[in-house]
N, C-alpha and C. Protein backbone atom coordinates (compact mmCIF):
# COMPACT_ATOMS: atom_id res chain seq x y z
N MET A 1 0.71 -1.37 -0.10
CA MET A 1 0.03 0.16 -0.05
C MET A 1 0.95 1.27 0.01
N LEU A 2 0.44 2.08 -0.83
CA LEU A 2 1.14 3.48 -0.98
C LEU A 2 1.08 4.30 0.47
N ASN A 3 2.11 4.98 0.69
CA ASN A 3 1.95 5.74 2.12
C ASN A 3 1.31 7.07 1.64
N TRP A 4 0.99 7.93 2.76
CA TRP A 4 0.47 8.93 2.33
C TRP A 4 1.18 10.06 1.47
N TRP A 5 2.32 10.13 1.56
CA TRP A 5 3.25 11.01 0.62
C TRP A 5 2.96 10.74 -0.81
N ASP A 6 3.38 9.24 -1.07
CA ASP A 6 3.09 8.64 -2.50
C ASP A 6 1.72 8.90 -3.00
N LYS A 7 0.79 8.81 -2.10
CA LYS A 7 -0.62 8.95 -2.54
C LYS A 7 -1.00 10.43 -3.02
N ASN A 8 -0.45 11.31 -2.36
CA ASN A 8 -0.72 12.67 -2.57
C ASN A 8 0.26 13.54 -3.65
N PHE A 9 1.54 13.13 -3.42
CA PHE A 9 2.34 13.84 -4.39
C PHE A 9 3.32 12.91 -5.21
N ALA A 10 3.17 11.72 -5.46
CA ALA A 10 3.97 10.92 -6.33
C ALA A 10 3.65 11.58 -7.91
N SER A 11 2.63 12.06 -8.14
CA SER A 11 2.61 12.63 -9.59
C SER A 11 2.93 13.89 -9.77
N CYS A 12 3.61 14.59 -8.96
CA CYS A 12 3.88 16.00 -9.07
C CYS A 12 4.63 16.26 -10.27
N GLU A 13 4.24 17.27 -11.10
CA GLU A 13 4.79 17.46 -12.22
C GLU A 13 5.09 18.88 -12.35
N LEU A 14 6.28 19.50 -12.25
CA LEU A 14 6.67 20.79 -12.46
C LEU A 14 7.10 21.32 -13.75
N GLY A 15 7.26 20.40 -14.68
CA GLY A 15 7.61 20.73 -16.03
C GLY A 15 9.20 20.37 -16.34
N ASP A 16 9.81 20.11 -15.24
CA ASP A 16 11.39 19.56 -15.59
C ASP A 16 11.33 18.49 -14.50
N GLU A 17 11.84 17.34 -15.12
CA GLU A 17 11.94 16.24 -14.36
C GLU A 17 12.72 16.35 -12.97
N ARG A 18 13.93 16.97 -13.29
CA ARG A 18 14.76 17.25 -12.02
C ARG A 18 14.19 17.94 -10.97
N LEU A 19 13.38 19.16 -11.21
CA LEU A 19 12.52 19.75 -10.31
C LEU A 19 11.49 18.96 -9.65
N SER A 20 10.57 18.17 -10.35
CA SER A 20 9.72 17.34 -9.96
C SER A 20 10.38 16.11 -8.93
N ASP A 21 11.56 15.61 -9.26
CA ASP A 21 12.29 14.59 -8.42
C ASP A 21 12.66 15.43 -7.10
N ARG A 22 13.07 16.56 -7.25
CA ARG A 22 13.45 17.28 -5.93
C ARG A 22 12.44 17.47 -5.23
N ALA A 23 11.32 18.16 -5.65
CA ALA A 23 10.17 18.47 -4.97
C ALA A 23 9.83 17.17 -4.26
N TYR A 24 9.60 16.00 -4.75
CA TYR A 24 9.20 14.69 -4.28
C TYR A 24 10.08 14.35 -3.17
N SER A 25 11.56 14.43 -3.40
CA SER A 25 12.37 14.00 -2.41
C SER A 25 12.44 14.95 -1.10
N ILE A 26 12.37 16.25 -1.26
CA ILE A 26 12.20 16.91 -0.01
C ILE A 26 10.91 16.98 0.55
N GLY A 27 9.89 16.66 -0.14
CA GLY A 27 8.71 16.59 0.45
C GLY A 27 8.37 15.37 1.42
N LYS A 28 9.16 14.19 0.74
CA LYS A 28 9.21 13.01 1.38
C LYS A 28 9.93 12.97 2.79
N LYS A 29 11.15 13.65 2.70
CA LYS A 29 11.88 13.73 3.84
C LYS A 29 11.28 14.54 5.00
N ILE A 30 10.47 15.78 4.45
CA ILE A 30 9.71 16.54 5.42
C ILE A 30 8.85 15.65 5.99
N SER A 31 7.97 15.04 5.58
CA SER A 31 6.89 14.29 5.76
C SER A 31 7.57 13.18 6.69
N GLU A 32 8.43 12.30 6.40
CA GLU A 32 9.01 11.52 7.30
C GLU A 32 9.44 11.92 8.54
N GLY A 33 9.96 13.39 8.56
CA GLY A 33 10.51 13.87 9.94
C GLY A 33 9.80 15.10 10.47
N PHE A 34 8.34 14.69 10.06
CA PHE A 34 7.28 15.62 10.68
C PHE A 34 7.41 16.18 12.01
N GLY A 35 7.43 17.29 12.34
CA GLY A 35 7.57 17.92 13.85
C GLY A 35 8.95 18.15 14.06
N LYS A 36 10.11 17.73 13.16
CA LYS A 36 11.43 18.03 13.64
C LYS A 36 11.78 19.36 12.93
N ALA A 37 12.94 19.97 13.38
CA ALA A 37 13.56 20.98 12.70
C ALA A 37 14.17 20.56 11.46
N LEU A 38 14.25 21.52 10.40
CA LEU A 38 14.59 21.20 9.02
C LEU A 38 16.13 20.63 9.14
N SER A 39 16.96 21.39 10.12
CA SER A 39 18.38 20.91 10.30
C SER A 39 18.55 19.49 10.80
N GLU A 40 17.48 18.80 11.40
CA GLU A 40 17.43 17.61 11.83
C GLU A 40 17.16 16.51 10.73
N ILE A 41 16.17 17.13 9.82
CA ILE A 41 15.75 16.13 8.52
C ILE A 41 16.75 16.20 7.65
N PHE A 42 17.23 17.31 7.23
CA PHE A 42 18.41 17.32 6.24
C PHE A 42 19.82 17.48 6.84
N LYS A 43 20.47 16.17 6.97
CA LYS A 43 21.61 15.97 7.70
C LYS A 43 22.82 16.78 7.20
N SER A 44 22.95 16.97 5.99
CA SER A 44 24.15 17.96 5.38
C SER A 44 23.70 19.37 5.09
N GLY A 45 24.73 20.27 5.20
CA GLY A 45 24.43 21.51 4.81
C GLY A 45 24.09 21.80 3.53
N SER A 46 24.66 20.91 2.55
CA SER A 46 24.00 21.22 1.20
C SER A 46 22.57 20.88 0.98
N GLU A 47 22.29 19.82 1.70
CA GLU A 47 20.81 19.10 1.54
C GLU A 47 19.88 20.27 2.06
N LEU A 48 20.28 20.76 3.35
CA LEU A 48 19.23 21.71 3.85
C LEU A 48 19.32 23.13 3.08
N LYS A 49 20.40 23.53 2.51
CA LYS A 49 20.37 24.76 1.54
C LYS A 49 19.50 24.47 0.49
N ARG A 50 19.45 23.32 -0.10
CA ARG A 50 18.73 23.12 -1.34
C ARG A 50 17.40 22.95 -0.93
N ALA A 51 17.05 22.64 0.16
CA ALA A 51 15.71 22.51 0.53
C ALA A 51 15.23 23.88 0.79
N TYR A 52 15.77 24.90 1.31
CA TYR A 52 15.51 26.17 1.61
C TYR A 52 15.58 26.83 0.43
N GLU A 53 16.37 26.58 -0.57
CA GLU A 53 16.25 27.30 -1.90
C GLU A 53 15.13 26.91 -2.69
N PHE A 54 14.56 25.89 -2.52
CA PHE A 54 13.51 25.34 -3.39
C PHE A 54 12.31 26.06 -3.05
N SER A 55 12.18 26.27 -1.84
CA SER A 55 10.81 26.67 -1.04
C SER A 55 10.55 28.30 -1.71
N ALA A 56 9.36 28.44 -1.84
CA ALA A 56 8.95 29.58 -2.35
C ALA A 56 8.93 30.68 -1.22
N ILE A 57 9.25 30.46 -0.12
CA ILE A 57 9.06 31.42 1.19
C ILE A 57 10.10 32.62 0.84
N THR A 58 9.51 34.01 0.98
CA THR A 58 10.52 35.10 0.85
C THR A 58 10.75 35.68 2.18
N LYS A 59 11.63 36.39 2.46
CA LYS A 59 12.15 36.93 3.64
C LYS A 59 10.93 38.18 3.69
N GLN A 60 10.27 38.39 4.81
CA GLN A 60 9.36 39.52 4.95
C GLN A 60 9.97 40.54 5.81
N ASN A 61 9.70 41.69 5.55
CA ASN A 61 10.08 42.84 6.59
C ASN A 61 8.88 43.21 7.21
N LEU A 62 8.96 42.96 8.59
CA LEU A 62 7.91 43.12 9.44
C LEU A 62 7.90 44.45 10.28
N ALA A 63 8.93 45.56 9.79
CA ALA A 63 9.14 46.49 10.55
C ALA A 63 8.17 47.56 10.37
N ARG A 64 7.80 48.24 11.30
CA ARG A 64 6.61 49.35 11.22
C ARG A 64 7.12 50.49 10.44
N SER A 65 6.29 51.06 9.56
CA SER A 65 6.73 52.23 9.02
C SER A 65 6.17 53.57 9.44
């Protein structure tokens, strides 16, 4: 039986096979390490950096004007 991640995201298509593979592997690791810090999930610095770079989260400036 497929696990939750495979059922929901195995068919992820981002228009580039490498990007789709990266999205799948990052998401799978995050789902396996749910509740842990990203630095615990991604053991090497390069893995962690790639996961952060892949995300669409931008730095927000919350300073009052």
